[in-house]
Amino acid sequence: MTYEDLQKQHDYLFVKEMDLYQVNGLKGLYVDGCIAIDKNLTNVEKGCVLAEEIGHHLTSVGNILDQNIDANRKQEYRARLVAYDIQVGLKGIVDSYEAGCTSLYSMAEYLEVTEEYLKEALTAYENKYGTYVSFQKYIIYFTPCLGVLKKLD
């Protein structure tokens, strides 16, 4: 989903672009219904960051900036899983397969995410589902490499 589409879908959140990274090294920050996004990112990067901040809106409580605390790391992980589902998801993997994507680069381009973000999402899905997962009429393999197989009727 594009950065602009995410903003429209979640228009109840206030999103402001600013020089966030230069101030505190963050690409995005969520506080009480307000999201700050570093204005120096590409639109694709902004979409990935915005999805994660929406994930924080939906799942996080309190200040979780200190990632040395276990509970904060768990909240960060939950927010990222929500973001991966928003931007990639099992449906996105299948859709990119059906669209003829044959590499991580083409898949990331199709899904409008960075290649790094896609790799992180696939790793998270492998950790969540294991070697493979059955989804609708497909089997998605995460290891030894990404593969999508369509089940026979």
N, C-alpha and C. Protein backbone atom coordinates (compact mmCIF):
# COMPACT_ATOMS: atom_id res chain seq x y z
N MET A 1 0.85 -1.17 0.00
CA MET A 1 0.00 0.00 0.00
C MET A 1 0.90 1.24 0.00
N THR A 2 0.56 2.20 -0.81
CA THR A 2 1.40 3.40 -0.90
C THR A 2 1.29 4.24 0.37
N TYR A 3 2.27 5.10 0.54
CA TYR A 3 2.29 6.03 1.67
C TYR A 3 1.01 6.86 1.69
N GLU A 4 0.61 7.36 0.52
CA GLU A 4 -0.59 8.19 0.43
C GLU A 4 -1.85 7.38 0.76
N ASP A 5 -1.92 6.15 0.27
CA ASP A 5 -3.09 5.29 0.56
C ASP A 5 -3.19 4.97 2.05
N LEU A 6 -2.04 4.73 2.68
CA LEU A 6 -2.04 4.48 4.13
C LEU A 6 -2.57 5.69 4.89
N GLN A 7 -2.14 6.88 4.47
CA GLN A 7 -2.62 8.10 5.12
C GLN A 7 -4.13 8.25 4.97
N LYS A 8 -4.64 7.97 3.78
CA LYS A 8 -6.08 8.08 3.55
C LYS A 8 -6.85 7.06 4.38
N GLN A 9 -6.35 5.83 4.42
CA GLN A 9 -7.04 4.77 5.15
C GLN A 9 -7.04 5.02 6.66
N HIS A 10 -6.02 5.70 7.15
CA HIS A 10 -5.89 5.98 8.58
C HIS A 10 -5.91 7.49 8.82
N ASP A 11 -6.87 8.16 8.20
CA ASP A 11 -6.93 9.62 8.28
C ASP A 11 -7.30 10.15 9.67
N TYR A 12 -7.67 9.27 10.58
CA TYR A 12 -7.94 9.66 11.96
C TYR A 12 -6.65 9.91 12.74
N LEU A 13 -5.51 9.52 12.17
CA LEU A 13 -4.21 9.78 12.79
C LEU A 13 -3.60 11.03 12.15
N PHE A 14 -2.95 11.84 12.97
CA PHE A 14 -2.28 13.03 12.48
C PHE A 14 -0.85 12.64 12.08
N VAL A 15 -0.49 12.85 10.82
CA VAL A 15 0.84 12.50 10.33
C VAL A 15 1.56 13.78 9.92
N LYS A 16 2.77 13.95 10.45
CA LYS A 16 3.58 15.14 10.12
C LYS A 16 4.96 14.68 9.68
N GLU A 17 5.43 15.25 8.59
CA GLU A 17 6.79 14.98 8.11
C GLU A 17 7.72 16.05 8.67
N MET A 18 8.87 15.61 9.17
CA MET A 18 9.83 16.54 9.76
C MET A 18 11.24 15.96 9.69
N ASP A 19 12.24 16.73 10.10
CA ASP A 19 13.63 16.26 10.14
C ASP A 19 13.84 15.42 11.39
N LEU A 20 13.18 14.31 11.45
CA LEU A 20 13.18 13.47 12.64
C LEU A 20 14.50 12.74 12.84
N TYR A 21 15.06 12.19 11.78
CA TYR A 21 16.28 11.38 11.89
C TYR A 21 17.45 12.21 12.39
N GLN A 22 17.58 13.43 11.93
CA GLN A 22 18.69 14.29 12.35
C GLN A 22 18.59 14.67 13.82
N VAL A 23 17.37 14.73 14.33
CA VAL A 23 17.16 15.14 15.72
C VAL A 23 17.45 13.98 16.67
N ASN A 24 16.86 12.81 16.42
CA ASN A 24 17.03 11.71 17.38
C ASN A 24 17.31 10.35 16.74
N GLY A 25 17.63 10.31 15.47
CA GLY A 25 18.01 9.06 14.82
C GLY A 25 16.85 8.14 14.50
N LEU A 26 15.63 8.63 14.59
CA LEU A 26 14.46 7.80 14.30
C LEU A 26 13.91 8.13 12.91
N LYS A 27 13.31 7.12 12.27
CA LYS A 27 12.63 7.35 11.00
C LYS A 27 11.17 7.68 11.22
N GLY A 28 10.63 7.22 12.34
CA GLY A 28 9.24 7.48 12.66
C GLY A 28 9.02 7.42 14.15
N LEU A 29 7.95 8.06 14.61
CA LEU A 29 7.63 8.08 16.03
C LEU A 29 6.12 8.23 16.18
N TYR A 30 5.54 7.41 17.07
CA TYR A 30 4.11 7.50 17.35
C TYR A 30 3.92 7.96 18.79
N VAL A 31 3.08 8.98 18.99
CA VAL A 31 2.73 9.45 20.32
C VAL A 31 1.26 9.89 20.31
N ASP A 32 0.43 9.18 21.05
CA ASP A 32 -0.96 9.58 21.29
C ASP A 32 -1.73 10.03 20.04
N GLY A 33 -1.78 9.20 19.04
CA GLY A 33 -2.55 9.51 17.84
C GLY A 33 -1.84 10.40 16.83
N CYS A 34 -0.59 10.75 17.13
CA CYS A 34 0.20 11.58 16.21
C CYS A 34 1.43 10.79 15.75
N ILE A 35 1.71 10.87 14.47
CA ILE A 35 2.85 10.16 13.90
C ILE A 35 3.78 11.17 13.23
N ALA A 36 5.06 11.09 13.59
CA ALA A 36 6.08 11.89 12.93
C ALA A 36 6.88 10.96 12.01
N ILE A 37 7.10 11.41 10.79
CA ILE A 37 7.84 10.64 9.79
C ILE A 37 8.99 11.51 9.29
N ASP A 38 10.18 10.92 9.17
CA ASP A 38 11.31 11.68 8.66
C ASP A 38 11.04 12.09 7.21
N LYS A 39 11.12 13.37 6.94
CA LYS A 39 10.76 13.90 5.61
C LYS A 39 11.81 13.59 4.55
N ASN A 40 12.97 13.12 4.94
CA ASN A 40 14.05 12.85 3.99
C ASN A 40 14.00 11.44 3.41
N LEU A 41 13.02 10.65 3.80
CA LEU A 41 12.87 9.30 3.28
C LEU A 41 12.16 9.33 1.93
N THR A 42 12.34 8.27 1.14
CA THR A 42 11.57 8.14 -0.10
C THR A 42 10.13 7.82 0.27
N ASN A 43 9.21 7.97 -0.67
CA ASN A 43 7.81 7.64 -0.39
C ASN A 43 7.63 6.17 -0.05
N VAL A 44 8.40 5.29 -0.68
CA VAL A 44 8.32 3.86 -0.37
C VAL A 44 8.77 3.63 1.07
N GLU A 45 9.88 4.25 1.47
CA GLU A 45 10.36 4.13 2.86
C GLU A 45 9.34 4.72 3.83
N LYS A 46 8.76 5.86 3.48
CA LYS A 46 7.75 6.48 4.34
C LYS A 46 6.57 5.54 4.54
N GLY A 47 6.17 4.83 3.50
CA GLY A 47 5.07 3.88 3.62
C GLY A 47 5.39 2.77 4.60
N CYS A 48 6.61 2.25 4.55
CA CYS A 48 7.03 1.19 5.47
C CYS A 48 7.05 1.71 6.91
N VAL A 49 7.59 2.89 7.10
CA VAL A 49 7.67 3.49 8.44
C VAL A 49 6.27 3.82 8.95
N LEU A 50 5.42 4.39 8.11
CA LEU A 50 4.06 4.72 8.53
C LEU A 50 3.30 3.46 8.93
N ALA A 51 3.47 2.37 8.20
CA ALA A 51 2.79 1.12 8.56
C ALA A 51 3.22 0.66 9.96
N GLU A 52 4.51 0.78 10.26
CA GLU A 52 4.97 0.39 11.59
C GLU A 52 4.40 1.30 12.68
N GLU A 53 4.34 2.59 12.40
CA GLU A 53 3.79 3.51 13.40
C GLU A 53 2.29 3.27 13.59
N ILE A 54 1.58 2.88 12.54
CA ILE A 54 0.18 2.48 12.67
C ILE A 54 0.11 1.22 13.53
N GLY A 55 1.06 0.31 13.34
CA GLY A 55 1.14 -0.87 14.19
C GLY A 55 1.31 -0.51 15.65
N HIS A 56 2.11 0.51 15.93
CA HIS A 56 2.26 0.97 17.32
C HIS A 56 0.95 1.55 17.84
N HIS A 57 0.26 2.30 17.00
CA HIS A 57 -1.04 2.85 17.40
C HIS A 57 -2.00 1.73 17.80
N LEU A 58 -1.98 0.63 17.05
CA LEU A 58 -2.92 -0.47 17.28
C LEU A 58 -2.50 -1.41 18.40
N THR A 59 -1.20 -1.48 18.72
CA THR A 59 -0.75 -2.52 19.66
C THR A 59 0.05 -2.04 20.86
N SER A 60 0.63 -0.86 20.82
CA SER A 60 1.58 -0.46 21.86
C SER A 60 0.95 0.42 22.93
N VAL A 61 1.53 0.32 24.13
CA VAL A 61 1.08 1.13 25.27
C VAL A 61 2.31 1.71 25.95
N GLY A 62 2.30 3.01 26.19
CA GLY A 62 3.38 3.65 26.93
C GLY A 62 4.59 3.95 26.07
N ASN A 63 5.66 4.37 26.73
CA ASN A 63 6.92 4.72 26.08
C ASN A 63 7.74 3.44 25.93
N ILE A 64 7.98 3.02 24.69
CA ILE A 64 8.75 1.78 24.47
C ILE A 64 10.08 2.07 23.77
N LEU A 65 10.57 3.30 23.87
CA LEU A 65 11.82 3.66 23.20
C LEU A 65 13.02 2.89 23.74
N ASP A 66 13.02 2.53 25.03
CA ASP A 66 14.14 1.78 25.60
C ASP A 66 13.99 0.31 25.23
N GLN A 67 14.73 -0.12 24.21
CA GLN A 67 14.62 -1.49 23.72
C GLN A 67 15.46 -2.49 24.54
N ASN A 68 16.03 -2.03 25.65
CA ASN A 68 16.71 -2.94 26.57
C ASN A 68 15.72 -3.64 27.49
N ILE A 69 14.48 -3.19 27.49
CA ILE A 69 13.43 -3.77 28.34
C ILE A 69 12.65 -4.79 27.51
N ASP A 70 12.55 -6.03 28.04
CA ASP A 70 11.88 -7.12 27.31
C ASP A 70 10.47 -6.76 26.85
N ALA A 71 9.69 -6.18 27.73
CA ALA A 71 8.30 -5.84 27.39
C ALA A 71 8.24 -4.86 26.22
N ASN A 72 9.18 -3.94 26.17
CA ASN A 72 9.23 -2.97 25.08
C ASN A 72 9.59 -3.64 23.75
N ARG A 73 10.55 -4.59 23.81
CA ARG A 73 10.92 -5.32 22.60
C ARG A 73 9.75 -6.14 22.07
N LYS A 74 8.97 -6.72 22.98
CA LYS A 74 7.79 -7.49 22.56
C LYS A 74 6.76 -6.60 21.89
N GLN A 75 6.55 -5.40 22.43
CA GLN A 75 5.61 -4.46 21.82
C GLN A 75 6.12 -4.01 20.45
N GLU A 76 7.41 -3.80 20.33
CA GLU A 76 8.01 -3.41 19.05
C GLU A 76 7.79 -4.52 18.02
N TYR A 77 7.99 -5.76 18.43
CA TYR A 77 7.81 -6.91 17.53
C TYR A 77 6.35 -7.02 17.08
N ARG A 78 5.41 -6.86 18.01
CA ARG A 78 3.98 -6.92 17.66
C ARG A 78 3.62 -5.83 16.66
N ALA A 79 4.13 -4.63 16.88
CA ALA A 79 3.84 -3.52 15.96
C ALA A 79 4.41 -3.81 14.58
N ARG A 80 5.59 -4.39 14.53
CA ARG A 80 6.20 -4.72 13.23
C ARG A 80 5.40 -5.81 12.51
N LEU A 81 4.91 -6.80 13.26
CA LEU A 81 4.08 -7.83 12.62
C LEU A 81 2.83 -7.23 12.00
N VAL A 82 2.21 -6.30 12.71
CA VAL A 82 1.03 -5.61 12.15
C VAL A 82 1.44 -4.86 10.88
N ALA A 83 2.58 -4.18 10.93
CA ALA A 83 3.06 -3.42 9.77
C ALA A 83 3.33 -4.35 8.58
N TYR A 84 3.96 -5.49 8.85
CA TYR A 84 4.24 -6.44 7.77
C TYR A 84 2.94 -6.94 7.16
N ASP A 85 1.94 -7.18 7.99
CA ASP A 85 0.65 -7.63 7.47
C ASP A 85 -0.03 -6.53 6.64
N ILE A 86 0.14 -5.28 7.03
CA ILE A 86 -0.43 -4.17 6.27
C ILE A 86 0.25 -4.04 4.91
N GLN A 87 1.58 -4.08 4.90
CA GLN A 87 2.33 -3.79 3.69
C GLN A 87 2.62 -5.01 2.81
N VAL A 88 2.72 -6.18 3.41
CA VAL A 88 3.07 -7.39 2.65
C VAL A 88 1.95 -8.41 2.80
N GLY A 89 1.92 -9.08 3.94
CA GLY A 89 0.89 -10.08 4.21
C GLY A 89 1.01 -11.31 3.32
N LEU A 90 0.38 -12.38 3.75
CA LEU A 90 0.38 -13.60 2.95
C LEU A 90 -0.31 -13.35 1.61
N LYS A 91 -1.35 -12.55 1.63
CA LYS A 91 -2.06 -12.22 0.39
C LYS A 91 -1.14 -11.46 -0.57
N GLY A 92 -0.34 -10.56 -0.06
CA GLY A 92 0.60 -9.82 -0.90
C GLY A 92 1.64 -10.73 -1.53
N ILE A 93 2.09 -11.73 -0.78
CA ILE A 93 3.06 -12.70 -1.32
C ILE A 93 2.42 -13.45 -2.48
N VAL A 94 1.19 -13.93 -2.28
CA VAL A 94 0.47 -14.66 -3.32
C VAL A 94 0.19 -13.75 -4.51
N ASP A 95 -0.27 -12.54 -4.24
CA ASP A 95 -0.57 -11.60 -5.33
C ASP A 95 0.67 -11.30 -6.18
N SER A 96 1.81 -11.13 -5.53
CA SER A 96 3.04 -10.85 -6.28
C SER A 96 3.46 -12.07 -7.10
N TYR A 97 3.23 -13.26 -6.57
CA TYR A 97 3.48 -14.49 -7.32
C TYR A 97 2.59 -14.53 -8.56
N GLU A 98 1.30 -14.26 -8.37
CA GLU A 98 0.34 -14.28 -9.48
C GLU A 98 0.65 -13.18 -10.50
N ALA A 99 1.27 -12.09 -10.06
CA ALA A 99 1.64 -11.00 -10.96
C ALA A 99 2.93 -11.30 -11.73
N GLY A 100 3.55 -12.44 -11.44
CA GLY A 100 4.74 -12.85 -12.17
C GLY A 100 6.05 -12.39 -11.58
N CYS A 101 6.06 -11.92 -10.36
CA CYS A 101 7.30 -11.50 -9.72
C CYS A 101 8.19 -12.72 -9.48
N THR A 102 9.45 -12.62 -9.89
CA THR A 102 10.35 -13.77 -9.78
C THR A 102 11.58 -13.48 -8.92
N SER A 103 11.65 -12.30 -8.34
CA SER A 103 12.78 -11.96 -7.47
C SER A 103 12.27 -11.12 -6.31
N LEU A 104 13.09 -11.03 -5.27
CA LEU A 104 12.71 -10.18 -4.14
C LEU A 104 12.60 -8.73 -4.58
N TYR A 105 13.46 -8.32 -5.50
CA TYR A 105 13.42 -6.95 -5.99
C TYR A 105 12.08 -6.66 -6.66
N SER A 106 11.66 -7.54 -7.58
CA SER A 106 10.40 -7.29 -8.30
C SER A 106 9.21 -7.41 -7.37
N MET A 107 9.32 -8.30 -6.40
CA MET A 107 8.25 -8.46 -5.41
C MET A 107 8.12 -7.19 -4.55
N ALA A 108 9.25 -6.68 -4.09
CA ALA A 108 9.25 -5.45 -3.28
C ALA A 108 8.69 -4.28 -4.09
N GLU A 109 9.09 -4.20 -5.34
CA GLU A 109 8.58 -3.13 -6.20
C GLU A 109 7.07 -3.26 -6.39
N TYR A 110 6.59 -4.48 -6.61
CA TYR A 110 5.15 -4.72 -6.78
C TYR A 110 4.37 -4.33 -5.53
N LEU A 111 4.92 -4.69 -4.36
CA LEU A 111 4.25 -4.43 -3.08
C LEU A 111 4.47 -3.00 -2.59
N GLU A 112 5.35 -2.26 -3.25
CA GLU A 112 5.69 -0.88 -2.89
C GLU A 112 6.30 -0.79 -1.49
N VAL A 113 7.26 -1.69 -1.25
CA VAL A 113 8.06 -1.69 -0.03
C VAL A 113 9.53 -1.77 -0.43
N THR A 114 10.42 -1.50 0.50
CA THR A 114 11.84 -1.66 0.20
C THR A 114 12.18 -3.15 0.23
N GLU A 115 13.25 -3.50 -0.45
CA GLU A 115 13.68 -4.90 -0.47
C GLU A 115 14.07 -5.35 0.95
N GLU A 116 14.72 -4.48 1.69
CA GLU A 116 15.11 -4.78 3.08
C GLU A 116 13.87 -5.06 3.93
N TYR A 117 12.85 -4.24 3.78
CA TYR A 117 11.60 -4.40 4.53
C TYR A 117 10.95 -5.74 4.18
N LEU A 118 10.94 -6.08 2.90
CA LEU A 118 10.36 -7.36 2.47
C LEU A 118 11.12 -8.52 3.09
N LYS A 119 12.45 -8.46 3.09
CA LYS A 119 13.26 -9.53 3.70
C LYS A 119 12.93 -9.66 5.19
N GLU A 120 12.79 -8.53 5.89
CA GLU A 120 12.44 -8.56 7.31
C GLU A 120 11.06 -9.18 7.51
N ALA A 121 10.11 -8.85 6.64
CA ALA A 121 8.76 -9.41 6.74
C ALA A 121 8.79 -10.92 6.53
N LEU A 122 9.53 -11.37 5.53
CA LEU A 122 9.61 -12.81 5.25
C LEU A 122 10.27 -13.56 6.40
N THR A 123 11.28 -12.97 7.01
CA THR A 123 11.92 -13.58 8.19
C THR A 123 10.93 -13.67 9.34
N ALA A 124 10.16 -12.60 9.55
CA ALA A 124 9.15 -12.60 10.62
C ALA A 124 8.09 -13.67 10.36
N TYR A 125 7.67 -13.81 9.10
CA TYR A 125 6.67 -14.84 8.77
C TYR A 125 7.25 -16.24 8.96
N GLU A 126 8.51 -16.43 8.61
CA GLU A 126 9.14 -17.74 8.83
C GLU A 126 9.19 -18.04 10.33
N ASN A 127 9.51 -17.05 11.14
CA ASN A 127 9.53 -17.24 12.60
C ASN A 127 8.14 -17.54 13.13
N LYS A 128 7.13 -16.94 12.54
CA LYS A 128 5.75 -17.11 13.00
C LYS A 128 5.15 -18.43 12.52
N TYR A 129 5.35 -18.78 11.24
CA TYR A 129 4.68 -19.93 10.65
C TYR A 129 5.55 -21.17 10.51
N GLY A 130 6.87 -21.00 10.53
CA GLY A 130 7.75 -22.14 10.31
C GLY A 130 8.16 -22.22 8.84
N THR A 131 8.46 -23.43 8.39
CA THR A 131 8.96 -23.66 7.03
C THR A 131 7.98 -23.22 5.96
N TYR A 132 6.69 -23.47 6.19
CA TYR A 132 5.68 -23.10 5.20
C TYR A 132 4.36 -22.83 5.88
N VAL A 133 3.43 -22.24 5.12
CA VAL A 133 2.08 -21.99 5.62
C VAL A 133 1.12 -22.20 4.45
N SER A 134 -0.03 -22.76 4.77
CA SER A 134 -1.09 -22.92 3.78
C SER A 134 -1.97 -21.67 3.85
N PHE A 135 -2.21 -21.06 2.70
CA PHE A 135 -3.01 -19.84 2.63
C PHE A 135 -3.91 -19.91 1.41
N GLN A 136 -5.20 -19.92 1.66
CA GLN A 136 -6.20 -20.04 0.60
C GLN A 136 -5.87 -21.25 -0.26
N LYS A 137 -5.65 -21.08 -1.55
CA LYS A 137 -5.36 -22.20 -2.44
C LYS A 137 -3.86 -22.32 -2.72
N TYR A 138 -3.04 -21.85 -1.78
CA TYR A 138 -1.60 -21.81 -2.00
C TYR A 138 -0.85 -22.37 -0.79
N ILE A 139 0.36 -22.80 -1.05
CA ILE A 139 1.32 -23.11 0.02
C ILE A 139 2.50 -22.17 -0.19
N ILE A 140 2.82 -21.42 0.85
CA ILE A 140 3.94 -20.48 0.79
C ILE A 140 5.09 -21.07 1.59
N TYR A 141 6.21 -21.32 0.93
CA TYR A 141 7.42 -21.83 1.58
C TYR A 141 8.34 -20.66 1.89
N PHE A 142 8.86 -20.66 3.12
CA PHE A 142 9.79 -19.61 3.52
C PHE A 142 11.23 -20.10 3.52
N THR A 143 11.40 -21.40 3.60
CA THR A 143 12.74 -21.96 3.63
C THR A 143 12.74 -23.27 2.86
N PRO A 144 13.76 -23.65 2.15
CA PRO A 144 15.08 -23.02 2.11
C PRO A 144 15.10 -21.70 1.35
N CYS A 145 14.09 -21.47 0.51
CA CYS A 145 13.96 -20.18 -0.16
C CYS A 145 12.47 -19.91 -0.36
N LEU A 146 12.14 -18.68 -0.64
CA LEU A 146 10.74 -18.32 -0.82
C LEU A 146 10.17 -19.02 -2.05
N GLY A 147 9.01 -19.64 -1.87
CA GLY A 147 8.34 -20.28 -2.99
C GLY A 147 6.84 -20.28 -2.75
N VAL A 148 6.08 -20.16 -3.82
CA VAL A 148 4.63 -20.20 -3.74
C VAL A 148 4.14 -21.28 -4.68
N LEU A 149 3.37 -22.21 -4.15
CA LEU A 149 2.79 -23.29 -4.95
C LEU A 149 1.28 -23.18 -4.90
N LYS A 150 0.66 -23.31 -6.06
CA LYS A 150 -0.80 -23.30 -6.12
C LYS A 150 -1.28 -24.74 -5.98
N LYS A 151 -2.23 -24.95 -5.05
CA LYS A 151 -2.78 -26.28 -4.84
C LYS A 151 -3.66 -26.66 -6.02
N LEU A 152 -3.67 -27.94 -6.35
CA LEU A 152 -4.56 -28.43 -7.39
C LEU A 152 -5.97 -28.53 -6.85
N ASP A 153 -6.94 -28.25 -7.68
CA ASP A 153 -8.35 -28.34 -7.25
C ASP A 153 -8.80 -29.78 -7.14
